[in-house]
Amino acid sequence: MKILIAEDDFISRLLLQELLKTYGQAHIAVNGREALAAVRVALESDRPYDLICLDITMPEMSGQDALREIRLAEETSGVAGQARAKIIMTTALADKDNVVTARDQHCDSFLVKPIERTRLVGELRRLKLIT
């Protein structure tokens, strides 16, 4: 599985890398702009990400803005439906507005920090990324 972790907090990045290392190699972005750039490069090289873990609160470009731009980049590249990356929003902001906004922008899942292995693995299974 090709994975992108977009997270500005060092400890959260390390945790996600550790939790996901058995499922594939993870690339790292420290803000929404880097995440979007990584997605565009992956799409242009015809090797899109399977999974993107996207923090909501990041500098330079929020996760919500990055989510919207990532979905637009996929659409522009002709990537739709099941071929799109599965995007899990990872955040400490579990308020209704953030959840609704992320769902409206077509995120696939929403996990509240601290991320627990069992919940993350459960979401990977639900999204059919692992069996």
N, C-alpha and C. Protein backbone atom coordinates (compact mmCIF):
# COMPACT_ATOMS: atom_id res chain seq x y z
N MET A 1 0.84 -1.18 0.00
CA MET A 1 0.00 0.00 0.00
C MET A 1 0.89 1.24 0.00
N LYS A 2 0.55 2.20 -0.83
CA LYS A 2 1.28 3.47 -0.87
C LYS A 2 0.55 4.44 0.05
N ILE A 3 1.29 4.99 1.03
CA ILE A 3 0.70 5.77 2.11
C ILE A 3 1.33 7.15 2.18
N LEU A 4 0.50 8.16 2.44
CA LEU A 4 0.97 9.52 2.73
C LEU A 4 0.46 9.91 4.10
N ILE A 5 1.37 10.33 4.96
CA ILE A 5 1.00 10.85 6.28
C ILE A 5 1.25 12.35 6.26
N ALA A 6 0.19 13.13 6.39
CA ALA A 6 0.29 14.59 6.43
C ALA A 6 -0.03 15.03 7.86
N GLU A 7 1.00 15.38 8.59
CA GLU A 7 0.88 15.66 10.02
C GLU A 7 1.99 16.61 10.43
N ASP A 8 1.65 17.72 11.08
CA ASP A 8 2.67 18.67 11.48
C ASP A 8 3.31 18.34 12.82
N ASP A 9 2.69 17.51 13.63
CA ASP A 9 3.23 17.16 14.93
C ASP A 9 4.16 15.95 14.81
N PHE A 10 5.41 16.12 15.25
CA PHE A 10 6.43 15.09 15.11
C PHE A 10 6.02 13.76 15.76
N ILE A 11 5.53 13.81 16.98
CA ILE A 11 5.16 12.58 17.71
C ILE A 11 4.00 11.87 16.99
N SER A 12 3.02 12.61 16.52
CA SER A 12 1.89 12.01 15.81
C SER A 12 2.36 11.37 14.50
N ARG A 13 3.31 12.03 13.81
CA ARG A 13 3.87 11.44 12.58
C ARG A 13 4.56 10.12 12.88
N LEU A 14 5.40 10.11 13.91
CA LEU A 14 6.10 8.88 14.28
C LEU A 14 5.13 7.77 14.64
N LEU A 15 4.11 8.10 15.39
CA LEU A 15 3.11 7.11 15.79
C LEU A 15 2.43 6.51 14.56
N LEU A 16 1.97 7.35 13.66
CA LEU A 16 1.31 6.84 12.45
C LEU A 16 2.27 6.02 11.59
N GLN A 17 3.50 6.46 11.47
CA GLN A 17 4.49 5.68 10.71
C GLN A 17 4.66 4.30 11.32
N GLU A 18 4.78 4.26 12.63
CA GLU A 18 4.97 2.98 13.32
C GLU A 18 3.75 2.08 13.15
N LEU A 19 2.56 2.64 13.28
CA LEU A 19 1.34 1.85 13.16
C LEU A 19 1.12 1.32 11.74
N LEU A 20 1.60 2.06 10.74
CA LEU A 20 1.33 1.71 9.35
C LEU A 20 2.48 0.98 8.65
N LYS A 21 3.63 0.85 9.30
CA LYS A 21 4.81 0.33 8.60
C LYS A 21 4.65 -1.10 8.09
N THR A 22 3.82 -1.90 8.70
CA THR A 22 3.64 -3.27 8.21
C THR A 22 2.73 -3.33 6.99
N TYR A 23 2.07 -2.24 6.66
CA TYR A 23 1.12 -2.24 5.54
C TYR A 23 1.67 -1.58 4.28
N GLY A 24 2.79 -0.88 4.40
CA GLY A 24 3.37 -0.24 3.24
C GLY A 24 4.32 0.86 3.64
N GLN A 25 4.98 1.42 2.64
CA GLN A 25 5.91 2.52 2.89
C GLN A 25 5.13 3.82 2.97
N ALA A 26 5.45 4.62 3.98
CA ALA A 26 4.76 5.89 4.17
C ALA A 26 5.66 7.06 3.79
N HIS A 27 5.13 7.95 2.99
CA HIS A 27 5.77 9.23 2.70
C HIS A 27 5.22 10.23 3.72
N ILE A 28 5.99 11.28 3.98
CA ILE A 28 5.64 12.24 5.01
C ILE A 28 5.47 13.64 4.41
N ALA A 29 4.45 14.34 4.87
CA ALA A 29 4.27 15.76 4.57
C ALA A 29 4.01 16.46 5.91
N VAL A 30 4.59 17.63 6.11
CA VAL A 30 4.44 18.31 7.40
C VAL A 30 3.39 19.41 7.37
N ASN A 31 2.76 19.61 6.21
CA ASN A 31 1.66 20.56 6.13
C ASN A 31 0.79 20.23 4.92
N GLY A 32 -0.30 20.92 4.78
CA GLY A 32 -1.24 20.64 3.70
C GLY A 32 -0.66 20.91 2.32
N ARG A 33 0.18 21.93 2.19
CA ARG A 33 0.79 22.22 0.89
C ARG A 33 1.70 21.09 0.43
N GLU A 34 2.50 20.58 1.35
CA GLU A 34 3.37 19.45 1.01
C GLU A 34 2.55 18.22 0.64
N ALA A 35 1.46 18.00 1.37
CA ALA A 35 0.59 16.86 1.08
C ALA A 35 0.02 16.97 -0.33
N LEU A 36 -0.48 18.14 -0.67
CA LEU A 36 -1.04 18.35 -2.01
C LEU A 36 0.03 18.17 -3.08
N ALA A 37 1.21 18.69 -2.84
CA ALA A 37 2.31 18.54 -3.81
C ALA A 37 2.66 17.06 -3.99
N ALA A 38 2.71 16.31 -2.90
CA ALA A 38 3.02 14.88 -2.98
C ALA A 38 1.95 14.13 -3.77
N VAL A 39 0.69 14.47 -3.54
CA VAL A 39 -0.41 13.83 -4.25
C VAL A 39 -0.33 14.14 -5.74
N ARG A 40 -0.06 15.38 -6.08
CA ARG A 40 0.06 15.76 -7.50
C ARG A 40 1.19 15.01 -8.20
N VAL A 41 2.35 14.89 -7.54
CA VAL A 41 3.47 14.14 -8.11
C VAL A 41 3.09 12.68 -8.30
N ALA A 42 2.43 12.11 -7.31
CA ALA A 42 2.01 10.70 -7.39
C ALA A 42 1.02 10.50 -8.53
N LEU A 43 0.08 11.41 -8.69
CA LEU A 43 -0.89 11.31 -9.79
C LEU A 43 -0.21 11.47 -11.14
N GLU A 44 0.71 12.42 -11.25
CA GLU A 44 1.41 12.66 -12.52
C GLU A 44 2.28 11.47 -12.91
N SER A 45 2.81 10.75 -11.93
CA SER A 45 3.65 9.59 -12.21
C SER A 45 2.83 8.31 -12.33
N ASP A 46 1.51 8.45 -12.27
CA ASP A 46 0.59 7.31 -12.38
C ASP A 46 0.80 6.29 -11.26
N ARG A 47 1.19 6.79 -10.07
CA ARG A 47 1.36 5.95 -8.89
C ARG A 47 0.68 6.64 -7.71
N PRO A 48 -0.66 6.76 -7.76
CA PRO A 48 -1.36 7.51 -6.71
C PRO A 48 -1.29 6.79 -5.35
N TYR A 49 -1.56 7.55 -4.33
CA TYR A 49 -1.59 7.00 -2.98
C TYR A 49 -2.84 6.16 -2.79
N ASP A 50 -2.70 5.09 -2.02
CA ASP A 50 -3.84 4.27 -1.64
C ASP A 50 -4.50 4.83 -0.38
N LEU A 51 -3.67 5.34 0.53
CA LEU A 51 -4.14 5.85 1.81
C LEU A 51 -3.45 7.17 2.11
N ILE A 52 -4.26 8.14 2.55
CA ILE A 52 -3.73 9.41 3.02
C ILE A 52 -4.30 9.67 4.41
N CYS A 53 -3.40 9.82 5.39
CA CYS A 53 -3.80 10.22 6.74
C CYS A 53 -3.54 11.71 6.83
N LEU A 54 -4.58 12.48 7.04
CA LEU A 54 -4.53 13.93 6.88
C LEU A 54 -5.01 14.62 8.15
N ASP A 55 -4.09 15.31 8.82
CA ASP A 55 -4.44 16.09 10.01
C ASP A 55 -5.25 17.31 9.58
N ILE A 56 -6.19 17.72 10.40
CA ILE A 56 -7.00 18.89 10.06
C ILE A 56 -6.25 20.19 10.33
N THR A 57 -5.60 20.29 11.48
CA THR A 57 -4.94 21.53 11.87
C THR A 57 -3.46 21.46 11.52
N MET A 58 -3.10 22.12 10.42
CA MET A 58 -1.71 22.17 9.97
C MET A 58 -1.39 23.58 9.49
N PRO A 59 -0.11 23.95 9.53
CA PRO A 59 0.27 25.27 9.02
C PRO A 59 0.26 25.31 7.49
N GLU A 60 0.22 26.51 6.97
CA GLU A 60 0.29 26.81 5.54
C GLU A 60 -0.97 26.44 4.77
N MET A 61 -1.49 25.25 4.97
CA MET A 61 -2.76 24.83 4.36
C MET A 61 -3.40 23.81 5.29
N SER A 62 -4.60 24.07 5.71
CA SER A 62 -5.27 23.16 6.64
C SER A 62 -5.58 21.82 5.97
N GLY A 63 -5.83 20.83 6.78
CA GLY A 63 -6.22 19.54 6.25
C GLY A 63 -7.52 19.60 5.47
N GLN A 64 -8.45 20.44 5.91
CA GLN A 64 -9.72 20.59 5.19
C GLN A 64 -9.48 21.16 3.79
N ASP A 65 -8.61 22.19 3.71
CA ASP A 65 -8.30 22.76 2.40
C ASP A 65 -7.53 21.76 1.53
N ALA A 66 -6.59 21.05 2.15
CA ALA A 66 -5.83 20.04 1.41
C ALA A 66 -6.75 18.94 0.90
N LEU A 67 -7.69 18.51 1.71
CA LEU A 67 -8.64 17.48 1.31
C LEU A 67 -9.40 17.92 0.05
N ARG A 68 -9.92 19.12 0.07
CA ARG A 68 -10.66 19.65 -1.07
C ARG A 68 -9.77 19.68 -2.33
N GLU A 69 -8.54 20.16 -2.17
CA GLU A 69 -7.62 20.26 -3.31
C GLU A 69 -7.16 18.89 -3.80
N ILE A 70 -6.98 17.95 -2.89
CA ILE A 70 -6.59 16.59 -3.28
C ILE A 70 -7.69 15.95 -4.12
N ARG A 71 -8.93 16.08 -3.67
CA ARG A 71 -10.04 15.50 -4.43
C ARG A 71 -10.16 16.18 -5.80
N LEU A 72 -9.92 17.46 -5.87
CA LEU A 72 -9.96 18.17 -7.15
C LEU A 72 -8.82 17.67 -8.06
N ALA A 73 -7.64 17.48 -7.51
CA ALA A 73 -6.50 16.98 -8.30
C ALA A 73 -6.79 15.58 -8.83
N GLU A 74 -7.41 14.74 -8.01
CA GLU A 74 -7.77 13.39 -8.46
C GLU A 74 -8.77 13.48 -9.61
N GLU A 75 -9.79 14.31 -9.45
CA GLU A 75 -10.81 14.48 -10.48
C GLU A 75 -10.18 14.97 -11.79
N THR A 76 -9.32 15.96 -11.69
CA THR A 76 -8.65 16.52 -12.86
C THR A 76 -7.79 15.46 -13.56
N SER A 77 -7.23 14.54 -12.78
CA SER A 77 -6.40 13.46 -13.33
C SER A 77 -7.20 12.26 -13.81
N GLY A 78 -8.52 12.34 -13.67
CA GLY A 78 -9.37 11.23 -14.11
C GLY A 78 -9.45 10.09 -13.11
N VAL A 79 -9.06 10.34 -11.88
CA VAL A 79 -9.12 9.32 -10.84
C VAL A 79 -10.42 9.52 -10.07
N ALA A 80 -11.29 8.52 -10.11
CA ALA A 80 -12.60 8.66 -9.47
C ALA A 80 -13.01 7.35 -8.80
N GLY A 81 -14.08 7.44 -8.02
CA GLY A 81 -14.66 6.25 -7.41
C GLY A 81 -13.68 5.48 -6.54
N GLN A 82 -13.66 4.17 -6.72
CA GLN A 82 -12.81 3.31 -5.91
C GLN A 82 -11.33 3.52 -6.17
N ALA A 83 -10.97 4.17 -7.27
CA ALA A 83 -9.56 4.42 -7.59
C ALA A 83 -8.98 5.58 -6.78
N ARG A 84 -9.86 6.40 -6.19
CA ARG A 84 -9.38 7.53 -5.38
C ARG A 84 -8.67 7.01 -4.13
N ALA A 85 -7.77 7.83 -3.59
CA ALA A 85 -7.13 7.52 -2.32
C ALA A 85 -8.19 7.46 -1.23
N LYS A 86 -8.00 6.56 -0.29
CA LYS A 86 -8.82 6.56 0.91
C LYS A 86 -8.20 7.58 1.85
N ILE A 87 -8.99 8.54 2.29
CA ILE A 87 -8.47 9.61 3.14
C ILE A 87 -9.08 9.50 4.53
N ILE A 88 -8.18 9.36 5.52
CA ILE A 88 -8.59 9.33 6.92
C ILE A 88 -8.13 10.64 7.55
N MET A 89 -9.09 11.42 8.01
CA MET A 89 -8.76 12.65 8.73
C MET A 89 -8.36 12.25 10.15
N THR A 90 -7.19 12.71 10.58
CA THR A 90 -6.69 12.41 11.92
C THR A 90 -6.56 13.73 12.67
N THR A 91 -7.28 13.85 13.77
CA THR A 91 -7.32 15.16 14.43
C THR A 91 -7.78 15.07 15.87
N ALA A 92 -7.47 16.10 16.61
CA ALA A 92 -7.99 16.25 17.96
C ALA A 92 -9.31 17.02 17.92
N LEU A 93 -9.67 17.54 16.75
CA LEU A 93 -10.89 18.34 16.59
C LEU A 93 -12.05 17.45 16.16
N ALA A 94 -12.76 16.91 17.11
CA ALA A 94 -13.85 15.99 16.79
C ALA A 94 -15.21 16.68 16.82
N ASP A 95 -15.22 18.00 16.75
CA ASP A 95 -16.50 18.70 16.78
C ASP A 95 -17.30 18.43 15.51
N LYS A 96 -18.60 18.58 15.61
CA LYS A 96 -19.50 18.25 14.52
C LYS A 96 -19.18 19.01 13.23
N ASP A 97 -18.83 20.29 13.33
CA ASP A 97 -18.54 21.09 12.13
C ASP A 97 -17.38 20.52 11.34
N ASN A 98 -16.31 20.13 12.02
CA ASN A 98 -15.16 19.56 11.32
C ASN A 98 -15.48 18.22 10.68
N VAL A 99 -16.25 17.40 11.38
CA VAL A 99 -16.64 16.10 10.83
C VAL A 99 -17.51 16.29 9.59
N VAL A 100 -18.50 17.16 9.67
CA VAL A 100 -19.41 17.40 8.55
C VAL A 100 -18.65 17.98 7.36
N THR A 101 -17.77 18.95 7.62
CA THR A 101 -16.99 19.55 6.54
C THR A 101 -16.12 18.51 5.84
N ALA A 102 -15.46 17.67 6.62
CA ALA A 102 -14.60 16.63 6.05
C ALA A 102 -15.42 15.63 5.24
N ARG A 103 -16.56 15.23 5.75
CA ARG A 103 -17.42 14.30 5.01
C ARG A 103 -17.93 14.93 3.71
N ASP A 104 -18.28 16.21 3.77
CA ASP A 104 -18.74 16.90 2.57
C ASP A 104 -17.66 16.97 1.49
N GLN A 105 -16.40 16.99 1.91
CA GLN A 105 -15.28 17.03 0.97
C GLN A 105 -14.81 15.63 0.59
N HIS A 106 -15.59 14.62 0.97
CA HIS A 106 -15.35 13.23 0.58
C HIS A 106 -14.18 12.56 1.27
N CYS A 107 -13.99 12.85 2.57
CA CYS A 107 -13.03 12.03 3.31
C CYS A 107 -13.72 10.68 3.54
N ASP A 108 -12.93 9.66 3.77
CA ASP A 108 -13.48 8.31 3.92
C ASP A 108 -13.64 7.90 5.37
N SER A 109 -12.91 8.55 6.25
CA SER A 109 -12.96 8.18 7.66
C SER A 109 -12.44 9.34 8.50
N PHE A 110 -12.69 9.25 9.79
CA PHE A 110 -12.33 10.31 10.71
C PHE A 110 -11.89 9.66 12.01
N LEU A 111 -10.62 9.81 12.40
CA LEU A 111 -10.12 9.24 13.65
C LEU A 111 -9.65 10.36 14.57
N VAL A 112 -10.05 10.28 15.83
CA VAL A 112 -9.69 11.28 16.83
C VAL A 112 -8.40 10.84 17.53
N LYS A 113 -7.50 11.80 17.69
CA LYS A 113 -6.24 11.54 18.39
C LYS A 113 -6.48 11.43 19.89
N PRO A 114 -5.70 10.65 20.58
CA PRO A 114 -4.58 9.86 20.08
C PRO A 114 -5.09 8.64 19.29
N ILE A 115 -4.42 8.35 18.19
CA ILE A 115 -4.81 7.24 17.33
C ILE A 115 -4.43 5.92 18.00
N GLU A 116 -5.38 5.04 18.08
CA GLU A 116 -5.14 3.71 18.67
C GLU A 116 -5.03 2.69 17.55
N ARG A 117 -4.12 1.76 17.71
CA ARG A 117 -3.87 0.73 16.69
C ARG A 117 -5.15 -0.01 16.30
N THR A 118 -5.94 -0.44 17.27
CA THR A 118 -7.14 -1.23 16.95
C THR A 118 -8.14 -0.42 16.13
N ARG A 119 -8.29 0.84 16.45
CA ARG A 119 -9.23 1.67 15.67
C ARG A 119 -8.71 1.93 14.26
N LEU A 120 -7.42 2.19 14.13
CA LEU A 120 -6.83 2.42 12.82
C LEU A 120 -6.93 1.17 11.96
N VAL A 121 -6.56 0.04 12.50
CA VAL A 121 -6.64 -1.23 11.75
C VAL A 121 -8.09 -1.53 11.37
N GLY A 122 -9.01 -1.25 12.27
CA GLY A 122 -10.43 -1.43 11.97
C GLY A 122 -10.87 -0.58 10.79
N GLU A 123 -10.40 0.66 10.73
CA GLU A 123 -10.75 1.53 9.61
C GLU A 123 -10.09 1.05 8.31
N LEU A 124 -8.85 0.58 8.39
CA LEU A 124 -8.19 0.05 7.20
C LEU A 124 -8.97 -1.15 6.65
N ARG A 125 -9.48 -1.98 7.54
CA ARG A 125 -10.30 -3.12 7.10
C ARG A 125 -11.62 -2.65 6.50
N ARG A 126 -12.28 -1.72 7.19
CA ARG A 126 -13.56 -1.22 6.71
C ARG A 126 -13.41 -0.59 5.32
N LEU A 127 -12.29 0.07 5.10
CA LEU A 127 -12.03 0.71 3.80
C LEU A 127 -11.49 -0.27 2.76
N LYS A 128 -11.36 -1.54 3.17
CA LYS A 128 -10.88 -2.61 2.29
C LYS A 128 -9.45 -2.37 1.79
N LEU A 129 -8.63 -1.73 2.63
CA LEU A 129 -7.23 -1.56 2.32
C LEU A 129 -6.41 -2.74 2.80
N ILE A 130 -6.92 -3.44 3.82
CA ILE A 130 -6.29 -4.68 4.31
C ILE A 130 -7.41 -5.68 4.58
N THR A 131 -7.03 -6.94 4.74
CA THR A 131 -8.02 -7.98 5.06
C THR A 131 -7.90 -8.45 6.48
